[in-house]
PDB file of N, CA and C in Angstrom:
ATOM      1  N   UNK A   1      65.617  69.310 -59.655  1.00  0.00           N
ATOM      2  CA  UNK A   1      64.976  68.027 -59.890  1.00  0.00           C
ATOM      3  C   UNK A   1      66.038  66.981 -60.229  1.00  0.00           C
ATOM      4  N   UNK A   2      65.837  65.811 -59.743  1.00  0.00           N
ATOM      5  CA  UNK A   2      66.780  64.717 -60.020  1.00  0.00           C
ATOM      6  C   UNK A   2      66.467  64.140 -61.397  1.00  0.00           C
ATOM      7  N   UNK A   3      66.959  64.816 -62.426  1.00  0.00           N
ATOM      8  CA  UNK A   3      66.613  64.457 -63.803  1.00  0.00           C
ATOM      9  C   UNK A   3      66.832  62.985 -64.116  1.00  0.00           C
ATOM     10  N   UNK A   4      67.929  62.439 -63.665  1.00  0.00           N
ATOM     11  CA  UNK A   4      68.185  61.033 -63.981  1.00  0.00           C
ATOM     12  C   UNK A   4      67.808  60.114 -62.820  1.00  0.00           C
ATOM     13  N   UNK A   5      67.322  60.686 -61.719  1.00  0.00           N
ATOM     14  CA  UNK A   5      66.885  59.913 -60.551  1.00  0.00           C
ATOM     15  C   UNK A   5      67.978  58.971 -60.072  1.00  0.00           C
ATOM     16  N   UNK A   6      69.218  59.460 -60.066  1.00  0.00           N
ATOM     17  CA  UNK A   6      70.375  58.642 -59.679  1.00  0.00           C
ATOM     18  C   UNK A   6      70.219  57.971 -58.315  1.00  0.00           C
ATOM     19  N   UNK A   7      69.715  58.660 -57.287  1.00  0.00           N
ATOM     20  CA  UNK A   7      69.572  57.965 -56.001  1.00  0.00           C
ATOM     21  C   UNK A   7      68.621  56.765 -56.075  1.00  0.00           C
ATOM     22  N   UNK A   8      67.599  56.875 -56.892  1.00  0.00           N
ATOM     23  CA  UNK A   8      66.634  55.775 -57.031  1.00  0.00           C
ATOM     24  C   UNK A   8      67.269  54.622 -57.812  1.00  0.00           C
ATOM     25  N   UNK A   9      68.056  54.958 -58.811  1.00  0.00           N
ATOM     26  CA  UNK A   9      68.774  53.906 -59.554  1.00  0.00           C
ATOM     27  C   UNK A   9      69.765  53.187 -58.626  1.00  0.00           C
ATOM     28  N   UNK A  10      70.470  53.962 -57.786  1.00  0.00           N
ATOM     29  CA  UNK A  10      71.392  53.365 -56.815  1.00  0.00           C
ATOM     30  C   UNK A  10      70.631  52.513 -55.800  1.00  0.00           C
ATOM     31  N   UNK A  11      69.449  52.965 -55.392  1.00  0.00           N
ATOM     32  CA  UNK A  11      68.604  52.214 -54.456  1.00  0.00           C
ATOM     33  C   UNK A  11      68.301  50.836 -55.038  1.00  0.00           C
ATOM     34  N   UNK A  12      67.888  50.801 -56.313  1.00  0.00           N
ATOM     35  CA  UNK A  12      67.598  49.518 -56.972  1.00  0.00           C
ATOM     36  C   UNK A  12      68.834  48.628 -57.018  1.00  0.00           C
ATOM     37  N   UNK A  13      69.977  49.210 -57.390  1.00  0.00           N
ATOM     38  CA  UNK A  13      71.213  48.417 -57.437  1.00  0.00           C
ATOM     39  C   UNK A  13      71.554  47.851 -56.061  1.00  0.00           C
ATOM     40  N   UNK A  14      71.429  48.685 -55.028  1.00  0.00           N
ATOM     41  CA  UNK A  14      71.754  48.237 -53.672  1.00  0.00           C
ATOM     42  C   UNK A  14      70.821  47.123 -53.208  1.00  0.00           C
ATOM     43  N   UNK A  15      69.539  47.286 -53.446  1.00  0.00           N
ATOM     44  CA  UNK A  15      68.570  46.265 -53.024  1.00  0.00           C
ATOM     45  C   UNK A  15      68.814  44.963 -53.778  1.00  0.00           C
ATOM     46  N   UNK A  16      68.950  45.031 -55.078  1.00  0.00           N
ATOM     47  CA  UNK A  16      69.102  43.818 -55.885  1.00  0.00           C
ATOM     48  C   UNK A  16      70.409  43.082 -55.618  1.00  0.00           C
ATOM     49  N   UNK A  17      71.455  43.830 -55.277  1.00  0.00           N
ATOM     50  CA  UNK A  17      72.761  43.223 -55.005  1.00  0.00           C
ATOM     51  C   UNK A  17      72.965  42.914 -53.518  1.00  0.00           C
ATOM     52  N   UNK A  18      71.988  43.290 -52.684  1.00  0.00           N
ATOM     53  CA  UNK A  18      72.114  43.145 -51.225  1.00  0.00           C
ATOM     54  C   UNK A  18      73.369  43.883 -50.734  1.00  0.00           C
ATOM     55  N   UNK A  19      73.602  45.062 -51.331  1.00  0.00           N
ATOM     56  CA  UNK A  19      74.771  45.890 -51.031  1.00  0.00           C
ATOM     57  C   UNK A  19      74.414  46.851 -49.896  1.00  0.00           C
ATOM     58  N   UNK A  20      74.677  46.439 -48.674  1.00  0.00           N
ATOM     59  CA  UNK A  20      74.267  47.213 -47.509  1.00  0.00           C
ATOM     60  C   UNK A  20      75.061  48.502 -47.342  1.00  0.00           C
ATOM     61  N   UNK A  21      76.312  48.529 -47.771  1.00  0.00           N
ATOM     62  CA  UNK A  21      77.101  49.761 -47.688  1.00  0.00           C
ATOM     63  C   UNK A  21      76.501  50.847 -48.574  1.00  0.00           C
ATOM     64  N   UNK A  22      76.176  50.489 -49.812  1.00  0.00           N
ATOM     65  CA  UNK A  22      75.548  51.460 -50.713  1.00  0.00           C
ATOM     66  C   UNK A  22      74.173  51.848 -50.189  1.00  0.00           C
ATOM     67  N   UNK A  23      73.431  50.888 -49.684  1.00  0.00           N
ATOM     68  CA  UNK A  23      72.104  51.181 -49.137  1.00  0.00           C
ATOM     69  C   UNK A  23      72.197  52.225 -48.030  1.00  0.00           C
ATOM     70  N   UNK A  24      73.149  52.080 -47.135  1.00  0.00           N
ATOM     71  CA  UNK A  24      73.327  53.059 -46.050  1.00  0.00           C
ATOM     72  C   UNK A  24      73.719  54.425 -46.596  1.00  0.00           C
ATOM     73  N   UNK A  25      74.516  54.438 -47.656  1.00  0.00           N
ATOM     74  CA  UNK A  25      74.989  55.706 -48.221  1.00  0.00           C
ATOM     75  C   UNK A  25      73.871  56.486 -48.899  1.00  0.00           C
ATOM     76  N   UNK A  26      72.962  55.805 -49.578  1.00  0.00           N
ATOM     77  CA  UNK A  26      71.924  56.515 -50.346  1.00  0.00           C
ATOM     78  C   UNK A  26      70.640  56.733 -49.548  1.00  0.00           C
ATOM     79  N   UNK A  27      70.524  56.130 -48.375  1.00  0.00           N
ATOM     80  CA  UNK A  27      69.322  56.280 -47.564  1.00  0.00           C
ATOM     81  C   UNK A  27      69.419  57.510 -46.668  1.00  0.00           C
ATOM     82  N   UNK A  28      68.358  58.313 -46.654  1.00  0.00           N
ATOM     83  CA  UNK A  28      68.273  59.409 -45.697  1.00  0.00           C
ATOM     84  C   UNK A  28      68.186  58.802 -44.294  1.00  0.00           C
ATOM     85  N   UNK A  29      68.658  59.506 -43.267  1.00  0.00           N
ATOM     86  CA  UNK A  29      68.683  58.934 -41.917  1.00  0.00           C
ATOM     87  C   UNK A  29      67.336  58.366 -41.452  1.00  0.00           C
ATOM     88  N   UNK A  30      66.248  59.013 -41.784  1.00  0.00           N
ATOM     89  CA  UNK A  30      64.928  58.540 -41.354  1.00  0.00           C
ATOM     90  C   UNK A  30      64.146  57.885 -42.466  1.00  0.00           C
ATOM     91  N   UNK A  31      64.834  57.240 -43.414  1.00  0.00           N
ATOM     92  CA  UNK A  31      64.165  56.641 -44.567  1.00  0.00           C
ATOM     93  C   UNK A  31      62.930  55.858 -44.138  1.00  0.00           C
ATOM     94  N   UNK A  32      61.826  56.093 -44.850  1.00  0.00           N
ATOM     95  CA  UNK A  32      60.594  55.333 -44.613  1.00  0.00           C
ATOM     96  C   UNK A  32      60.511  54.247 -45.674  1.00  0.00           C
ATOM     97  N   UNK A  33      60.300  53.032 -45.220  1.00  0.00           N
ATOM     98  CA  UNK A  33      60.163  51.884 -46.109  1.00  0.00           C
ATOM     99  C   UNK A  33      58.796  51.277 -45.836  1.00  0.00           C
ATOM    100  N   UNK A  34      58.005  51.104 -46.896  1.00  0.00           N
ATOM    101  CA  UNK A  34      56.666  50.563 -46.695  1.00  0.00           C
ATOM    102  C   UNK A  34      56.245  49.655 -47.810  1.00  0.00           C
ATOM    103  N   UNK A  35      55.286  48.819 -47.486  1.00  0.00           N
ATOM    104  CA  UNK A  35      54.733  47.885 -48.449  1.00  0.00           C
ATOM    105  C   UNK A  35      53.463  47.278 -47.893  1.00  0.00           C
ATOM    106  N   UNK A  36      53.034  46.175 -48.479  1.00  0.00           N
ATOM    107  CA  UNK A  36      51.760  45.579 -48.065  1.00  0.00           C
ATOM    108  C   UNK A  36      51.751  45.076 -46.621  1.00  0.00           C
ATOM    109  N   UNK A  37      52.918  44.892 -46.020  1.00  0.00           N
ATOM    110  CA  UNK A  37      52.982  44.405 -44.633  1.00  0.00           C
ATOM    111  C   UNK A  37      53.174  45.531 -43.623  1.00  0.00           C
ATOM    112  N   UNK A  38      53.113  46.789 -44.089  1.00  0.00           N
ATOM    113  CA  UNK A  38      53.263  47.909 -43.177  1.00  0.00           C
ATOM    114  C   UNK A  38      54.444  48.785 -43.535  1.00  0.00           C
ATOM    115  N   UNK A  39      54.719  49.749 -42.674  1.00  0.00           N
ATOM    116  CA  UNK A  39      55.803  50.699 -42.920  1.00  0.00           C
ATOM    117  C   UNK A  39      56.607  50.906 -41.644  1.00  0.00           C
ATOM    118  N   UNK A  40      57.852  51.283 -41.821  1.00  0.00           N
ATOM    119  CA  UNK A  40      58.748  51.578 -40.696  1.00  0.00           C
ATOM    120  C   UNK A  40      59.781  52.576 -41.199  1.00  0.00           C
ATOM    121  N   UNK A  41      60.564  53.099 -40.270  1.00  0.00           N
ATOM    122  CA  UNK A  41      61.550  54.113 -40.644  1.00  0.00           C
ATOM    123  C   UNK A  41      62.907  53.809 -40.029  1.00  0.00           C
ATOM    124  N   UNK A  42      63.942  54.263 -40.736  1.00  0.00           N
ATOM    125  CA  UNK A  42      65.304  54.157 -40.246  1.00  0.00           C
ATOM    126  C   UNK A  42      66.184  53.351 -41.184  1.00  0.00           C
ATOM    127  N   UNK A  43      67.455  53.699 -41.202  1.00  0.00           N
ATOM    128  CA  UNK A  43      68.411  53.039 -42.090  1.00  0.00           C
ATOM    129  C   UNK A  43      68.551  51.560 -41.737  1.00  0.00           C
ATOM    130  N   UNK A  44      68.593  51.236 -40.440  1.00  0.00           N
ATOM    131  CA  UNK A  44      68.735  49.818 -40.063  1.00  0.00           C
ATOM    132  C   UNK A  44      67.496  49.015 -40.442  1.00  0.00           C
ATOM    133  N   UNK A  45      66.324  49.640 -40.371  1.00  0.00           N
ATOM    134  CA  UNK A  45      65.097  48.977 -40.825  1.00  0.00           C
ATOM    135  C   UNK A  45      65.220  48.666 -42.316  1.00  0.00           C
ATOM    136  N   UNK A  46      65.721  49.638 -43.071  1.00  0.00           N
ATOM    137  CA  UNK A  46      65.899  49.471 -44.512  1.00  0.00           C
ATOM    138  C   UNK A  46      66.876  48.344 -44.825  1.00  0.00           C
ATOM    139  N   UNK A  47      68.039  48.344 -44.180  1.00  0.00           N
ATOM    140  CA  UNK A  47      69.025  47.305 -44.482  1.00  0.00           C
ATOM    141  C   UNK A  47      68.549  45.930 -44.013  1.00  0.00           C
ATOM    142  N   UNK A  48      67.816  45.875 -42.903  1.00  0.00           N
ATOM    143  CA  UNK A  48      67.244  44.606 -42.448  1.00  0.00           C
ATOM    144  C   UNK A  48      66.239  44.082 -43.466  1.00  0.00           C
ATOM    145  N   UNK A  49      65.426  44.990 -44.010  1.00  0.00           N
ATOM    146  CA  UNK A  49      64.439  44.595 -45.028  1.00  0.00           C
ATOM    147  C   UNK A  49      65.138  44.012 -46.256  1.00  0.00           C
ATOM    148  N   UNK A  50      66.236  44.631 -46.663  1.00  0.00           N
ATOM    149  CA  UNK A  50      66.971  44.131 -47.829  1.00  0.00           C
ATOM    150  C   UNK A  50      67.392  42.682 -47.610  1.00  0.00           C
ATOM    151  N   UNK A  51      67.970  42.395 -46.470  1.00  0.00           N
ATOM    152  CA  UNK A  51      68.475  41.039 -46.225  1.00  0.00           C
ATOM    153  C   UNK A  51      67.362  40.048 -45.937  1.00  0.00           C
ATOM    154  N   UNK A  52      66.306  40.484 -45.268  1.00  0.00           N
ATOM    155  CA  UNK A  52      65.227  39.583 -44.865  1.00  0.00           C
ATOM    156  C   UNK A  52      64.246  39.270 -45.996  1.00  0.00           C
ATOM    157  N   UNK A  53      63.943  40.264 -46.833  1.00  0.00           N
ATOM    158  CA  UNK A  53      62.889  40.088 -47.840  1.00  0.00           C
ATOM    159  C   UNK A  53      63.296  39.189 -48.997  1.00  0.00           C
ATOM    160  N   UNK A  54      64.567  39.253 -49.394  1.00  0.00           N
ATOM    161  CA  UNK A  54      65.003  38.489 -50.560  1.00  0.00           C
ATOM    162  C   UNK A  54      64.468  39.039 -51.874  1.00  0.00           C
ATOM    163  N   UNK A  55      63.922  40.253 -51.843  1.00  0.00           N
ATOM    164  CA  UNK A  55      63.261  40.824 -53.026  1.00  0.00           C
ATOM    165  C   UNK A  55      64.270  41.286 -54.069  1.00  0.00           C
ATOM    166  N   UNK A  56      63.841  41.238 -55.311  1.00  0.00           N
ATOM    167  CA  UNK A  56      64.576  41.806 -56.443  1.00  0.00           C
ATOM    168  C   UNK A  56      63.561  42.616 -57.228  1.00  0.00           C
ATOM    169  N   UNK A  57      63.890  43.870 -57.524  1.00  0.00           N
ATOM    170  CA  UNK A  57      62.972  44.778 -58.208  1.00  0.00           C
ATOM    171  C   UNK A  57      63.613  45.300 -59.492  1.00  0.00           C
ATOM    172  N   UNK A  58      63.018  44.955 -60.616  1.00  0.00           N
ATOM    173  CA  UNK A  58      63.517  45.409 -61.912  1.00  0.00           C
ATOM    174  C   UNK A  58      62.618  46.518 -62.445  1.00  0.00           C
ATOM    175  N   UNK A  59      63.138  47.751 -62.574  1.00  0.00           N
ATOM    176  CA  UNK A  59      62.314  48.850 -63.085  1.00  0.00           C
ATOM    177  C   UNK A  59      61.784  48.572 -64.487  1.00  0.00           C
ATOM    178  N   UNK A  60      60.523  48.934 -64.680  1.00  0.00           N
ATOM    179  CA  UNK A  60      59.860  48.770 -65.969  1.00  0.00           C
ATOM    180  C   UNK A  60      59.545  50.138 -66.575  1.00  0.00           C
ATOM    181  N   UNK A  61      59.042  51.057 -65.750  1.00  0.00           N
ATOM    182  CA  UNK A  61      58.726  52.403 -66.231  1.00  0.00           C
ATOM    183  C   UNK A  61      58.876  53.405 -65.094  1.00  0.00           C
ATOM    184  N   UNK A  62      59.175  54.644 -65.480  1.00  0.00           N
ATOM    185  CA  UNK A  62      59.423  55.722 -64.520  1.00  0.00           C
ATOM    186  C   UNK A  62      58.380  56.814 -64.738  1.00  0.00           C
ATOM    187  N   UNK A  63      57.808  57.325 -63.620  1.00  0.00           N
ATOM    188  CA  UNK A  63      56.752  58.336 -63.686  1.00  0.00           C
ATOM    189  C   UNK A  63      57.059  59.463 -62.696  1.00  0.00           C
ATOM    190  N   UNK A  64      57.818  60.483 -63.139  1.00  0.00           N
ATOM    191  CA  UNK A  64      58.104  61.611 -62.255  1.00  0.00           C
ATOM    192  C   UNK A  64      56.816  62.320 -61.855  1.00  0.00           C
ATOM    193  N   UNK A  65      56.705  62.673 -60.584  1.00  0.00           N
ATOM    194  CA  UNK A  65      55.509  63.321 -60.066  1.00  0.00           C
ATOM    195  C   UNK A  65      55.830  64.726 -59.576  1.00  0.00           C
ATOM    196  N   UNK A  66      57.062  65.045 -59.410  1.00  0.00           N
ATOM    197  CA  UNK A  66      57.488  66.360 -58.950  1.00  0.00           C
ATOM    198  C   UNK A  66      58.997  66.391 -58.882  1.00  0.00           C
ATOM    199  N   UNK A  67      59.515  67.464 -58.313  1.00  0.00           N
ATOM    200  CA  UNK A  67      60.965  67.629 -58.246  1.00  0.00           C
ATOM    201  C   UNK A  67      61.627  66.573 -57.373  1.00  0.00           C
ATOM    202  N   UNK A  68      60.896  66.055 -56.397  1.00  0.00           N
ATOM    203  CA  UNK A  68      61.499  65.114 -55.458  1.00  0.00           C
ATOM    204  C   UNK A  68      60.753  63.788 -55.363  1.00  0.00           C
ATOM    205  N   UNK A  69      59.852  63.527 -56.303  1.00  0.00           N
ATOM    206  CA  UNK A  69      59.048  62.299 -56.247  1.00  0.00           C
ATOM    207  C   UNK A  69      58.974  61.620 -57.606  1.00  0.00           C
ATOM    208  N   UNK A  70      59.127  60.301 -57.561  1.00  0.00           N
ATOM    209  CA  UNK A  70      58.980  59.516 -58.772  1.00  0.00           C
ATOM    210  C   UNK A  70      58.344  58.183 -58.382  1.00  0.00           C
ATOM    211  N   UNK A  71      57.459  57.704 -59.237  1.00  0.00           N
ATOM    212  CA  UNK A  71      56.889  56.370 -59.059  1.00  0.00           C
ATOM    213  C   UNK A  71      57.545  55.475 -60.102  1.00  0.00           C
ATOM    214  N   UNK A  72      58.083  54.360 -59.642  1.00  0.00           N
ATOM    215  CA  UNK A  72      58.737  53.409 -60.539  1.00  0.00           C
ATOM    216  C   UNK A  72      57.920  52.123 -60.542  1.00  0.00           C
ATOM    217  N   UNK A  73      57.445  51.767 -61.725  1.00  0.00           N
ATOM    218  CA  UNK A  73      56.757  50.486 -61.883  1.00  0.00           C
ATOM    219  C   UNK A  73      57.835  49.419 -62.048  1.00  0.00           C
ATOM    220  N   UNK A  74      57.642  48.272 -61.399  1.00  0.00           N
ATOM    221  CA  UNK A  74      58.694  47.261 -61.337  1.00  0.00           C
ATOM    222  C   UNK A  74      58.123  45.861 -61.463  1.00  0.00           C
ATOM    223  N   UNK A  75      59.001  44.949 -61.837  1.00  0.00           N
ATOM    224  CA  UNK A  75      58.719  43.517 -61.767  1.00  0.00           C
ATOM    225  C   UNK A  75      59.414  43.019 -60.507  1.00  0.00           C
ATOM    226  N   UNK A  76      58.651  42.499 -59.567  1.00  0.00           N
ATOM    227  CA  UNK A  76      59.201  42.029 -58.289  1.00  0.00           C
ATOM    228  C   UNK A  76      59.280  40.512 -58.273  1.00  0.00           C
ATOM    229  N   UNK A  77      60.414  40.015 -57.816  1.00  0.00           N
ATOM    230  CA  UNK A  77      60.594  38.592 -57.553  1.00  0.00           C
ATOM    231  C   UNK A  77      61.269  38.462 -56.195  1.00  0.00           C
ATOM    232  N   UNK A  78      61.229  37.276 -55.642  1.00  0.00           N
ATOM    233  CA  UNK A  78      61.801  37.039 -54.329  1.00  0.00           C
ATOM    234  C   UNK A  78      62.760  35.855 -54.381  1.00  0.00           C
ATOM    235  N   UNK A  79      63.817  35.939 -55.201  1.00  0.00           N
ATOM    236  CA  UNK A  79      64.730  34.801 -55.331  1.00  0.00           C
ATOM    237  C   UNK A  79      65.520  34.506 -54.060  1.00  0.00           C
ATOM    238  N   UNK A  80      65.662  35.481 -53.186  1.00  0.00           N
ATOM    239  CA  UNK A  80      66.412  35.263 -51.957  1.00  0.00           C
ATOM    240  C   UNK A  80      65.531  34.992 -50.755  1.00  0.00           C
ATOM    241  N   UNK A  81      64.225  34.804 -50.976  1.00  0.00           N
ATOM    242  CA  UNK A  81      63.307  34.549 -49.869  1.00  0.00           C
ATOM    243  C   UNK A  81      63.505  33.138 -49.329  1.00  0.00           C
ATOM    244  N   UNK A  82      63.269  32.951 -48.037  1.00  0.00           N
ATOM    245  CA  UNK A  82      63.452  31.622 -47.451  1.00  0.00           C
ATOM    246  C   UNK A  82      62.443  30.596 -47.958  1.00  0.00           C
ATOM    247  N   UNK A  83      61.301  31.047 -48.446  1.00  0.00           N
ATOM    248  CA  UNK A  83      60.255  30.149 -48.939  1.00  0.00           C
ATOM    249  C   UNK A  83      60.584  29.713 -50.367  1.00  0.00           C
ATOM    250  N   UNK A  84      60.784  28.434 -50.596  1.00  0.00           N
ATOM    251  CA  UNK A  84      61.168  27.914 -51.915  1.00  0.00           C
ATOM    252  C   UNK A  84      60.131  28.255 -52.980  1.00  0.00           C
ATOM    253  N   UNK A  85      58.858  28.275 -52.625  1.00  0.00           N
ATOM    254  CA  UNK A  85      57.820  28.602 -53.604  1.00  0.00           C
ATOM    255  C   UNK A  85      57.965  30.030 -54.092  1.00  0.00           C
ATOM    256  N   UNK A  86      58.353  30.939 -53.208  1.00  0.00           N
ATOM    257  CA  UNK A  86      58.532  32.336 -53.613  1.00  0.00           C
ATOM    258  C   UNK A  86      59.613  32.463 -54.670  1.00  0.00           C
ATOM    259  N   UNK A  87      60.626  31.638 -54.594  1.00  0.00           N
ATOM    260  CA  UNK A  87      61.716  31.702 -55.565  1.00  0.00           C
ATOM    261  C   UNK A  87      61.268  31.263 -56.953  1.00  0.00           C
ATOM    262  N   UNK A  88      60.250  30.434 -57.015  1.00  0.00           N
ATOM    263  CA  UNK A  88      59.798  29.904 -58.299  1.00  0.00           C
ATOM    264  C   UNK A  88      58.594  30.657 -58.849  1.00  0.00           C
ATOM    265  N   UNK A  89      58.024  31.573 -58.088  1.00  0.00           N
ATOM    266  CA  UNK A  89      56.836  32.304 -58.510  1.00  0.00           C
ATOM    267  C   UNK A  89      57.178  33.262 -59.649  1.00  0.00           C
ATOM    268  N   UNK A  90      56.218  33.487 -60.551  1.00  0.00           N
ATOM    269  CA  UNK A  90      56.453  34.461 -61.622  1.00  0.00           C
ATOM    270  C   UNK A  90      56.543  35.876 -61.038  1.00  0.00           C
ATOM    271  N   UNK A  91      57.143  36.806 -61.773  1.00  0.00           N
ATOM    272  CA  UNK A  91      57.249  38.185 -61.292  1.00  0.00           C
ATOM    273  C   UNK A  91      55.877  38.796 -61.028  1.00  0.00           C
ATOM    274  N   UNK A  92      55.858  39.704 -60.074  1.00  0.00           N
ATOM    275  CA  UNK A  92      54.656  40.443 -59.717  1.00  0.00           C
ATOM    276  C   UNK A  92      54.878  41.903 -60.112  1.00  0.00           C
ATOM    277  N   UNK A  93      53.920  42.491 -60.816  1.00  0.00           N
ATOM    278  CA  UNK A  93      54.021  43.911 -61.176  1.00  0.00           C
ATOM    279  C   UNK A  93      53.645  44.736 -59.953  1.00  0.00           C
ATOM    280  N   UNK A  94      54.506  45.648 -59.603  1.00  0.00           N
ATOM    281  CA  UNK A  94      54.311  46.491 -58.435  1.00  0.00           C
ATOM    282  C   UNK A  94      54.772  47.904 -58.777  1.00  0.00           C
ATOM    283  N   UNK A  95      54.508  48.852 -57.897  1.00  0.00           N
ATOM    284  CA  UNK A  95      54.971  50.222 -58.108  1.00  0.00           C
ATOM    285  C   UNK A  95      55.457  50.776 -56.778  1.00  0.00           C
ATOM    286  N   UNK A  96      56.533  51.529 -56.824  1.00  0.00           N
ATOM    287  CA  UNK A  96      57.097  52.120 -55.617  1.00  0.00           C
ATOM    288  C   UNK A  96      57.172  53.627 -55.781  1.00  0.00           C
ATOM    289  N   UNK A  97      56.660  54.324 -54.783  1.00  0.00           N
ATOM    290  CA  UNK A  97      56.783  55.776 -54.709  1.00  0.00           C
ATOM    291  C   UNK A  97      58.083  56.085 -53.980  1.00  0.00           C
ATOM    292  N   UNK A  98      58.973  56.791 -54.653  1.00  0.00           N
ATOM    293  CA  UNK A  98      60.229  57.233 -54.063  1.00  0.00           C
ATOM    294  C   UNK A  98      60.147  58.729 -53.800  1.00  0.00           C
ATOM    295  N   UNK A  99      60.560  59.122 -52.604  1.00  0.00           N
ATOM    296  CA  UNK A  99      60.653  60.535 -52.248  1.00  0.00           C
ATOM    297  C   UNK A  99      62.115  60.811 -51.912  1.00  0.00           C
ATOM    298  N   UNK A 100      62.664  61.819 -52.554  1.00  0.00           N
ATOM    299  CA  UNK A 100      64.071  62.155 -52.354  1.00  0.00           C
ATOM    300  C   UNK A 100      64.225  63.319 -51.388  1.00  0.00           C
ATOM    301  N   UNK A 101      65.343  63.304 -50.691  1.00  0.00           N
ATOM    302  CA  UNK A 101      65.789  64.415 -49.875  1.00  0.00           C
ATOM    303  C   UNK A 101      67.198  64.718 -50.371  1.00  0.00           C
ATOM    304  N   UNK A 102      67.289  65.635 -51.313  1.00  0.00           N
ATOM    305  CA  UNK A 102      68.574  65.902 -51.963  1.00  0.00           C
ATOM    306  C   UNK A 102      69.006  64.692 -52.764  1.00  0.00           C
ATOM    307  N   UNK A 103      70.198  64.168 -52.453  1.00  0.00           N
ATOM    308  CA  UNK A 103      70.709  63.016 -53.195  1.00  0.00           C
ATOM    309  C   UNK A 103      70.508  61.711 -52.429  1.00  0.00           C
ATOM    310  N   UNK A 104      69.546  61.719 -51.506  1.00  0.00           N
ATOM    311  CA  UNK A 104      69.249  60.513 -50.731  1.00  0.00           C
ATOM    312  C   UNK A 104      67.774  60.150 -50.848  1.00  0.00           C
ATOM    313  N   UNK A 105      67.491  58.867 -50.669  1.00  0.00           N
ATOM    314  CA  UNK A 105      66.115  58.389 -50.708  1.00  0.00           C
ATOM    315  C   UNK A 105      65.528  58.527 -49.309  1.00  0.00           C
ATOM    316  N   UNK A 106      64.471  59.350 -49.187  1.00  0.00           N
ATOM    317  CA  UNK A 106      63.806  59.577 -47.907  1.00  0.00           C
ATOM    318  C   UNK A 106      62.649  58.614 -47.691  1.00  0.00           C
ATOM    319  N   UNK A 107      62.090  58.081 -48.781  1.00  0.00           N
ATOM    320  CA  UNK A 107      60.987  57.126 -48.653  1.00  0.00           C
ATOM    321  C   UNK A 107      60.946  56.233 -49.879  1.00  0.00           C
ATOM    322  N   UNK A 108      60.617  54.963 -49.634  1.00  0.00           N
ATOM    323  CA  UNK A 108      60.389  53.978 -50.692  1.00  0.00           C
ATOM    324  C   UNK A 108      59.150  53.196 -50.255  1.00  0.00           C
ATOM    325  N   UNK A 109      58.013  53.544 -50.854  1.00  0.00           N
ATOM    326  CA  UNK A 109      56.726  52.997 -50.435  1.00  0.00           C
ATOM    327  C   UNK A 109      56.134  52.171 -51.572  1.00  0.00           C
ATOM    328  N   UNK A 110      56.093  50.854 -51.380  1.00  0.00           N
ATOM    329  CA  UNK A 110      55.678  49.928 -52.434  1.00  0.00           C
ATOM    330  C   UNK A 110      54.168  49.715 -52.401  1.00  0.00           C
ATOM    331  N   UNK A 111      53.580  49.726 -53.596  1.00  0.00           N
ATOM    332  CA  UNK A 111      52.144  49.498 -53.766  1.00  0.00           C
ATOM    333  C   UNK A 111      51.957  48.297 -54.681  1.00  0.00           C
ATOM    334  N   UNK A 112      51.548  47.179 -54.100  1.00  0.00           N
ATOM    335  CA  UNK A 112      51.338  45.975 -54.901  1.00  0.00           C
ATOM    336  C   UNK A 112      50.016  46.012 -55.652  1.00  0.00           C
ATOM    337  N   UNK A 113      49.153  46.994 -55.325  1.00  0.00           N
ATOM    338  CA  UNK A 113      47.890  47.104 -56.039  1.00  0.00           C
ATOM    339  C   UNK A 113      47.993  48.016 -57.254  1.00  0.00           C
ATOM    340  N   UNK A 114      49.192  48.329 -57.658  1.00  0.00           N
ATOM    341  CA  UNK A 114      49.403  48.919 -58.969  1.00  0.00           C
ATOM    342  C   UNK A 114      49.880  50.344 -59.044  1.00  0.00           C
ATOM    343  N   UNK A 115      50.190  50.682 -60.264  1.00  0.00           N
ATOM    344  CA  UNK A 115      50.737  51.990 -60.596  1.00  0.00           C
ATOM    345  C   UNK A 115      49.810  53.131 -60.171  1.00  0.00           C
ATOM    346  N   UNK A 116      48.516  52.982 -60.439  1.00  0.00           N
ATOM    347  CA  UNK A 116      47.592  54.079 -60.145  1.00  0.00           C
ATOM    348  C   UNK A 116      47.521  54.376 -58.649  1.00  0.00           C
ATOM    349  N   UNK A 117      47.597  53.343 -57.814  1.00  0.00           N
ATOM    350  CA  UNK A 117      47.588  53.558 -56.366  1.00  0.00           C
ATOM    351  C   UNK A 117      48.835  54.337 -55.935  1.00  0.00           C
ATOM    352  N   UNK A 118      49.973  53.996 -56.490  1.00  0.00           N
ATOM    353  CA  UNK A 118      51.208  54.702 -56.154  1.00  0.00           C
ATOM    354  C   UNK A 118      51.161  56.142 -56.646  1.00  0.00           C
ATOM    355  N   UNK A 119      50.636  56.366 -57.834  1.00  0.00           N
ATOM    356  CA  UNK A 119      50.521  57.732 -58.360  1.00  0.00           C
ATOM    357  C   UNK A 119      49.565  58.563 -57.518  1.00  0.00           C
ATOM    358  N   UNK A 120      48.460  57.964 -57.080  1.00  0.00           N
ATOM    359  CA  UNK A 120      47.530  58.685 -56.199  1.00  0.00           C
ATOM    360  C   UNK A 120      48.228  59.089 -54.896  1.00  0.00           C
ATOM    361  N   UNK A 121      48.968  58.156 -54.322  1.00  0.00           N
ATOM    362  CA  UNK A 121      49.686  58.429 -53.070  1.00  0.00           C
ATOM    363  C   UNK A 121      50.721  59.535 -53.257  1.00  0.00           C
ATOM    364  N   UNK A 122      51.285  59.614 -54.454  1.00  0.00           N
ATOM    365  CA  UNK A 122      52.300  60.631 -54.747  1.00  0.00           C
ATOM    366  C   UNK A 122      51.686  61.985 -55.040  1.00  0.00           C
ATOM    367  N   UNK A 123      50.364  62.017 -55.220  1.00  0.00           N
ATOM    368  CA  UNK A 123      49.688  63.258 -55.552  1.00  0.00           C
ATOM    369  C   UNK A 123      49.681  63.542 -57.028  1.00  0.00           C
ATOM    370  N   UNK A 124      49.932  62.526 -57.837  1.00  0.00           N
ATOM    371  CA  UNK A 124      49.997  62.741 -59.275  1.00  0.00           C
ATOM    372  C   UNK A 124      48.974  61.970 -60.067  1.00  0.00           C
ATOM    373  N   UNK A 125      47.876  61.598 -59.488  1.00  0.00           N
ATOM    374  CA  UNK A 125      46.896  60.872 -60.276  1.00  0.00           C
ATOM    375  C   UNK A 125      45.902  60.289 -59.407  1.00  0.00           C
TER     376      UNK A 125
END
């Protein structure tokens, strides 16, 4: 079990810093990235999402669901989004289900409808 969830912590650092090299290193080859606008797979999809979304995700709480799954509740903002209003909007509470494949993130699936939805999807609630 990833006791300290290091790959997920690195994922947050990479996304928030727009660090594409780190993002490529910690992403499993077929990483699934999903959210309210749909889901897609692949490292290039992931790195494109990082640059295009402008999102910043600050972890608030961690909810391990198994040896390879954790749901992280987060405060989401979009300071790098092209829409000026998005940059000024207050944070949105969201939750992301992370699935690990060894020391890499195999899936990052965001649920804007809350922690319980993400936990249900993870099989833990």
